[in-house]
Amino acid sequence: MPTNSKNNYTRRWMLGTGLAAVVGGGTFAATWFNIFADADAKGALSVEAADAQATKGEIYLIDIRRPDEWERTGVGQSAIPIDMRRKDFEATLQALYDKQGIRPVALICARGVRSDRMNTRLKAAGFTDILDVPEGMLGSGAGPGWIARDLPLRSPTTAELNGQVPVSL
């Protein structure tokens, strides 16, 4: 009887641990792939709208991913790559406003997770008219993304990869 009780405890423990791993893994995957992103949410832009508006100069489309990501996939044709990890991100955005004028800013990342967080950060820093592109470059729950929709890409310049932001667009 004691052996059987121990085996039952072990089975329950393994089942509970396995279930926790599945739930935890599912939560991680849902967050990583942003499967609950809403393309129709207030302040959200589709990748097509972001491309069209950035091309017309109506918005700044800021690609906030890392330089290695820009190199791997390219950046949107009219996007301005500014690594969100920069300590001077807000000051860099303000300098862009000062040189080029204030326009709405649309943020894009890989899958919409970082752009959503940066949207909150910029609003807390006093920026207004910040938009999110929840599909991202690689796709999310909001849609297949910039690359899958075959929107125009360009290679980042050496200056951009080194953290320089173009003064004229």
C-alpha atoms as a PDB file:
ATOM      1  CA  MET A   1       0.000   0.000   0.000  1.00  0.00           C
ATOM      2  CA  PRO A   2       2.714   2.585   0.786  1.00  0.00           C
ATOM      3  CA  THR A   3       4.405   1.935  -2.587  1.00  0.00           C
ATOM      4  CA  ASN A   4       1.142   2.404  -4.462  1.00  0.00           C
ATOM      5  CA  SER A   5       0.466   5.657  -2.588  1.00  0.00           C
ATOM      6  CA  LYS A   6       3.925   6.918  -3.500  1.00  0.00           C
ATOM      7  CA  ASN A   7       3.365   6.020  -7.171  1.00  0.00           C
ATOM      8  CA  ASN A   8       0.017   7.853  -7.188  1.00  0.00           C
ATOM      9  CA  TYR A   9       1.663  10.923  -5.675  1.00  0.00           C
ATOM     10  CA  THR A  10       4.451  10.761  -8.275  1.00  0.00           C
ATOM     11  CA  ARG A  11       1.955  10.417 -11.136  1.00  0.00           C
ATOM     12  CA  ARG A  12      -0.115  13.357  -9.879  1.00  0.00           C
ATOM     13  CA  TRP A  13       3.005  15.477  -9.457  1.00  0.00           C
ATOM     14  CA  MET A  14       4.200  14.638 -12.983  1.00  0.00           C
ATOM     15  CA  LEU A  15       0.779  15.319 -14.446  1.00  0.00           C
ATOM     16  CA  GLY A  16       0.531  18.654 -12.614  1.00  0.00           C
ATOM     17  CA  THR A  17       4.042  19.673 -13.639  1.00  0.00           C
ATOM     18  CA  GLY A  18       3.389  18.694 -17.250  1.00  0.00           C
ATOM     19  CA  LEU A  19       0.112  20.613 -17.300  1.00  0.00           C
ATOM     20  CA  ALA A  20       1.820  23.683 -15.829  1.00  0.00           C
ATOM     21  CA  ALA A  21       4.526  23.448 -18.511  1.00  0.00           C
ATOM     22  CA  VAL A  22       1.923  23.247 -21.279  1.00  0.00           C
ATOM     23  CA  VAL A  23      -0.063  26.193 -19.915  1.00  0.00           C
ATOM     24  CA  GLY A  24       3.082  28.230 -19.282  1.00  0.00           C
ATOM     25  CA  GLY A  25       4.453  27.388 -22.722  1.00  0.00           C
ATOM     26  CA  GLY A  26       1.145  28.298 -24.325  1.00  0.00           C
ATOM     27  CA  THR A  27       1.090  31.630 -22.514  1.00  0.00           C
ATOM     28  CA  PHE A  28       4.667  32.315 -23.617  1.00  0.00           C
ATOM     29  CA  ALA A  29       3.847  31.418 -27.223  1.00  0.00           C
ATOM     30  CA  ALA A  30       0.697  33.553 -27.204  1.00  0.00           C
ATOM     31  CA  THR A  31       2.739  36.520 -25.991  1.00  0.00           C
ATOM     32  CA  TRP A  32       5.716  35.886 -28.283  1.00  0.00           C
ATOM     33  CA  PHE A  33       3.552  35.583 -31.395  1.00  0.00           C
ATOM     34  CA  ASN A  34       1.095  38.248 -30.180  1.00  0.00           C
ATOM     35  CA  ILE A  35      -1.794  36.034 -31.238  1.00  0.00           C
ATOM     36  CA  PHE A  36      -4.380  38.245 -29.542  1.00  0.00           C
ATOM     37  CA  ALA A  37      -3.308  41.415 -31.370  1.00  0.00           C
ATOM     38  CA  ASP A  38      -6.210  43.443 -32.704  1.00  0.00           C
ATOM     39  CA  ALA A  39      -5.726  45.149 -36.048  1.00  0.00           C
ATOM     40  CA  ASP A  40      -8.921  47.126 -35.456  1.00  0.00           C
ATOM     41  CA  ALA A  41      -7.966  48.475 -32.029  1.00  0.00           C
ATOM     42  CA  LYS A  42      -7.970  52.219 -31.497  1.00  0.00           C
ATOM     43  CA  GLY A  43      -4.595  53.624 -32.513  1.00  0.00           C
ATOM     44  CA  ALA A  44      -3.680  50.567 -34.602  1.00  0.00           C
ATOM     45  CA  LEU A  45      -2.632  50.708 -38.239  1.00  0.00           C
ATOM     46  CA  SER A  46      -2.469  47.864 -40.715  1.00  0.00           C
ATOM     47  CA  VAL A  47       0.886  47.357 -42.404  1.00  0.00           C
ATOM     48  CA  GLU A  48      -0.633  48.517 -45.706  1.00  0.00           C
ATOM     49  CA  ALA A  49      -1.940  51.740 -44.156  1.00  0.00           C
ATOM     50  CA  ALA A  50       1.396  52.338 -42.396  1.00  0.00           C
ATOM     51  CA  ASP A  51       3.264  51.870 -45.672  1.00  0.00           C
ATOM     52  CA  ALA A  52       0.911  54.160 -47.624  1.00  0.00           C
ATOM     53  CA  GLN A  53       0.911  56.929 -45.000  1.00  0.00           C
ATOM     54  CA  ALA A  54       4.683  56.792 -44.471  1.00  0.00           C
ATOM     55  CA  THR A  55       5.282  56.893 -48.239  1.00  0.00           C
ATOM     56  CA  LYS A  56       3.094  60.021 -48.486  1.00  0.00           C
ATOM     57  CA  GLY A  57       4.940  61.626 -45.551  1.00  0.00           C
ATOM     58  CA  GLU A  58       1.806  61.690 -43.391  1.00  0.00           C
ATOM     59  CA  ILE A  59       3.414  59.720 -40.545  1.00  0.00           C
ATOM     60  CA  TYR A  60       6.822  58.704 -39.292  1.00  0.00           C
ATOM     61  CA  LEU A  61       7.056  54.919 -39.442  1.00  0.00           C
ATOM     62  CA  ILE A  62       9.636  53.983 -36.821  1.00  0.00           C
ATOM     63  CA  ASP A  63      11.070  50.456 -36.906  1.00  0.00           C
ATOM     64  CA  ILE A  64      12.085  49.908 -33.272  1.00  0.00           C
ATOM     65  CA  ARG A  65      13.705  46.501 -33.702  1.00  0.00           C
ATOM     66  CA  ARG A  66      17.410  45.773 -33.172  1.00  0.00           C
ATOM     67  CA  PRO A  67      19.988  46.390 -35.933  1.00  0.00           C
ATOM     68  CA  ASP A  68      20.573  42.635 -36.373  1.00  0.00           C
ATOM     69  CA  GLU A  69      16.848  42.250 -37.089  1.00  0.00           C
ATOM     70  CA  TRP A  70      16.975  45.067 -39.661  1.00  0.00           C
ATOM     71  CA  GLU A  71      19.890  43.354 -41.378  1.00  0.00           C
ATOM     72  CA  ARG A  72      18.139  39.971 -41.398  1.00  0.00           C
ATOM     73  CA  THR A  73      14.820  41.096 -42.890  1.00  0.00           C
ATOM     74  CA  GLY A  74      15.321  44.633 -44.138  1.00  0.00           C
ATOM     75  CA  VAL A  75      13.178  47.575 -43.055  1.00  0.00           C
ATOM     76  CA  GLY A  76      10.069  49.040 -44.620  1.00  0.00           C
ATOM     77  CA  GLN A  77      10.849  51.263 -47.613  1.00  0.00           C
ATOM     78  CA  SER A  78       9.736  54.445 -45.811  1.00  0.00           C
ATOM     79  CA  ALA A  79      10.602  53.350 -42.269  1.00  0.00           C
ATOM     80  CA  ILE A  80      13.117  55.047 -40.012  1.00  0.00           C
ATOM     81  CA  PRO A  81      15.034  52.460 -38.003  1.00  0.00           C
ATOM     82  CA  ILE A  82      15.628  53.578 -34.400  1.00  0.00           C
ATOM     83  CA  ASP A  83      16.565  50.852 -31.924  1.00  0.00           C
ATOM     84  CA  MET A  84      14.137  51.063 -28.998  1.00  0.00           C
ATOM     85  CA  ARG A  85      16.948  50.118 -26.582  1.00  0.00           C
ATOM     86  CA  ARG A  86      18.646  53.467 -27.111  1.00  0.00           C
ATOM     87  CA  LYS A  87      18.817  55.438 -23.895  1.00  0.00           C
ATOM     88  CA  ASP A  88      18.122  58.556 -25.933  1.00  0.00           C
ATOM     89  CA  PHE A  89      15.151  57.138 -27.869  1.00  0.00           C
ATOM     90  CA  GLU A  90      12.748  59.888 -26.810  1.00  0.00           C
ATOM     91  CA  ALA A  91      15.358  62.613 -27.441  1.00  0.00           C
ATOM     92  CA  THR A  92      16.050  61.126 -30.888  1.00  0.00           C
ATOM     93  CA  LEU A  93      12.355  61.192 -31.711  1.00  0.00           C
ATOM     94  CA  GLN A  94      12.123  64.786 -30.463  1.00  0.00           C
ATOM     95  CA  ALA A  95      15.110  65.728 -32.666  1.00  0.00           C
ATOM     96  CA  LEU A  96      13.291  64.215 -35.639  1.00  0.00           C
ATOM     97  CA  TYR A  97      10.247  66.365 -34.804  1.00  0.00           C
ATOM     98  CA  ASP A  98      12.460  69.449 -34.480  1.00  0.00           C
ATOM     99  CA  LYS A  99      14.111  68.875 -37.863  1.00  0.00           C
ATOM    100  CA  GLN A 100      11.205  67.486 -39.880  1.00  0.00           C
ATOM    101  CA  GLY A 101       8.069  68.676 -38.091  1.00  0.00           C
ATOM    102  CA  ILE A 102       5.582  66.929 -35.871  1.00  0.00           C
ATOM    103  CA  ARG A 103       3.590  64.109 -37.441  1.00  0.00           C
ATOM    104  CA  PRO A 104       1.919  61.038 -36.006  1.00  0.00           C
ATOM    105  CA  VAL A 105       4.396  58.272 -35.192  1.00  0.00           C
ATOM    106  CA  ALA A 106       3.626  54.658 -36.073  1.00  0.00           C
ATOM    107  CA  LEU A 107       5.765  52.063 -34.323  1.00  0.00           C
ATOM    108  CA  ILE A 108       6.567  48.693 -35.871  1.00  0.00           C
ATOM    109  CA  CYS A 109       8.562  45.762 -34.503  1.00  0.00           C
ATOM    110  CA  ALA A 110       8.653  42.055 -35.325  1.00  0.00           C
ATOM    111  CA  ARG A 111       5.228  40.973 -34.011  1.00  0.00           C
ATOM    112  CA  GLY A 112       3.663  43.998 -32.299  1.00  0.00           C
ATOM    113  CA  VAL A 113       4.699  43.204 -28.728  1.00  0.00           C
ATOM    114  CA  ARG A 114       7.530  45.734 -28.389  1.00  0.00           C
ATOM    115  CA  SER A 115       5.679  48.408 -30.373  1.00  0.00           C
ATOM    116  CA  ASP A 116       2.756  48.145 -27.957  1.00  0.00           C
ATOM    117  CA  ARG A 117       5.095  48.549 -24.975  1.00  0.00           C
ATOM    118  CA  MET A 118       6.961  51.444 -26.597  1.00  0.00           C
ATOM    119  CA  ASN A 119       3.635  53.106 -27.392  1.00  0.00           C
ATOM    120  CA  THR A 120       2.867  53.130 -23.658  1.00  0.00           C
ATOM    121  CA  ARG A 121       6.375  54.396 -22.818  1.00  0.00           C
ATOM    122  CA  LEU A 122       6.190  57.283 -25.295  1.00  0.00           C
ATOM    123  CA  LYS A 123       2.745  58.356 -24.127  1.00  0.00           C
ATOM    124  CA  ALA A 124       4.024  58.360 -20.529  1.00  0.00           C
ATOM    125  CA  ALA A 125       6.906  60.569 -21.719  1.00  0.00           C
ATOM    126  CA  GLY A 126       4.405  63.116 -23.091  1.00  0.00           C
ATOM    127  CA  PHE A 127       4.289  62.175 -26.767  1.00  0.00           C
ATOM    128  CA  THR A 128       0.854  62.222 -28.333  1.00  0.00           C
ATOM    129  CA  ASP A 129      -0.482  60.741 -31.565  1.00  0.00           C
ATOM    130  CA  ILE A 130       1.471  57.485 -31.280  1.00  0.00           C
ATOM    131  CA  LEU A 131       0.148  54.607 -33.370  1.00  0.00           C
ATOM    132  CA  ASP A 132       0.874  50.887 -33.297  1.00  0.00           C
ATOM    133  CA  VAL A 133       1.361  48.504 -36.216  1.00  0.00           C
ATOM    134  CA  PRO A 134       0.377  45.280 -34.408  1.00  0.00           C
ATOM    135  CA  GLU A 135       0.995  42.937 -37.370  1.00  0.00           C
ATOM    136  CA  GLY A 136       4.662  43.831 -37.240  1.00  0.00           C
ATOM    137  CA  MET A 137       7.210  42.763 -39.786  1.00  0.00           C
ATOM    138  CA  LEU A 138       6.767  39.016 -39.179  1.00  0.00           C
ATOM    139  CA  GLY A 139       3.052  38.770 -38.446  1.00  0.00           C
ATOM    140  CA  SER A 140       0.878  38.328 -35.368  1.00  0.00           C
ATOM    141  CA  GLY A 141      -2.755  37.736 -34.475  1.00  0.00           C
ATOM    142  CA  ALA A 142      -3.483  41.023 -36.249  1.00  0.00           C
ATOM    143  CA  GLY A 143      -2.339  39.655 -39.613  1.00  0.00           C
ATOM    144  CA  PRO A 144       0.498  38.086 -41.578  1.00  0.00           C
ATOM    145  CA  GLY A 145       2.829  41.080 -41.346  1.00  0.00           C
ATOM    146  CA  TRP A 146       4.810  43.378 -43.614  1.00  0.00           C
ATOM    147  CA  ILE A 147       7.053  40.743 -45.170  1.00  0.00           C
ATOM    148  CA  ALA A 148       4.297  38.189 -45.884  1.00  0.00           C
ATOM    149  CA  ARG A 149       2.175  40.936 -47.472  1.00  0.00           C
ATOM    150  CA  ASP A 150       5.137  41.607 -49.784  1.00  0.00           C
ATOM    151  CA  LEU A 151       5.351  45.300 -48.941  1.00  0.00           C
ATOM    152  CA  PRO A 152       8.467  47.168 -50.101  1.00  0.00           C
ATOM    153  CA  LEU A 153      11.685  46.615 -48.144  1.00  0.00           C
ATOM    154  CA  ARG A 154      15.102  48.174 -48.218  1.00  0.00           C
ATOM    155  CA  SER A 155      18.423  47.334 -46.630  1.00  0.00           C
ATOM    156  CA  PRO A 156      19.391  49.512 -43.685  1.00  0.00           C
ATOM    157  CA  THR A 157      22.330  51.794 -44.344  1.00  0.00           C
ATOM    158  CA  THR A 158      25.604  51.445 -42.487  1.00  0.00           C
ATOM    159  CA  ALA A 159      24.859  54.767 -40.783  1.00  0.00           C
ATOM    160  CA  GLU A 160      21.459  53.476 -39.591  1.00  0.00           C
ATOM    161  CA  LEU A 161      23.016  50.258 -38.314  1.00  0.00           C
ATOM    162  CA  ASN A 162      25.426  52.455 -36.340  1.00  0.00           C
ATOM    163  CA  GLY A 163      22.579  54.407 -34.729  1.00  0.00           C
ATOM    164  CA  GLN A 164      22.454  57.471 -36.979  1.00  0.00           C
ATOM    165  CA  VAL A 165      19.011  58.753 -37.825  1.00  0.00           C
ATOM    166  CA  PRO A 166      18.603  60.512 -41.195  1.00  0.00           C
ATOM    167  CA  VAL A 167      17.983  64.245 -40.888  1.00  0.00           C
ATOM    168  CA  SER A 168      16.042  64.485 -44.127  1.00  0.00           C
ATOM    169  CA  LEU A 169      13.423  62.056 -45.292  1.00  0.00           C
END
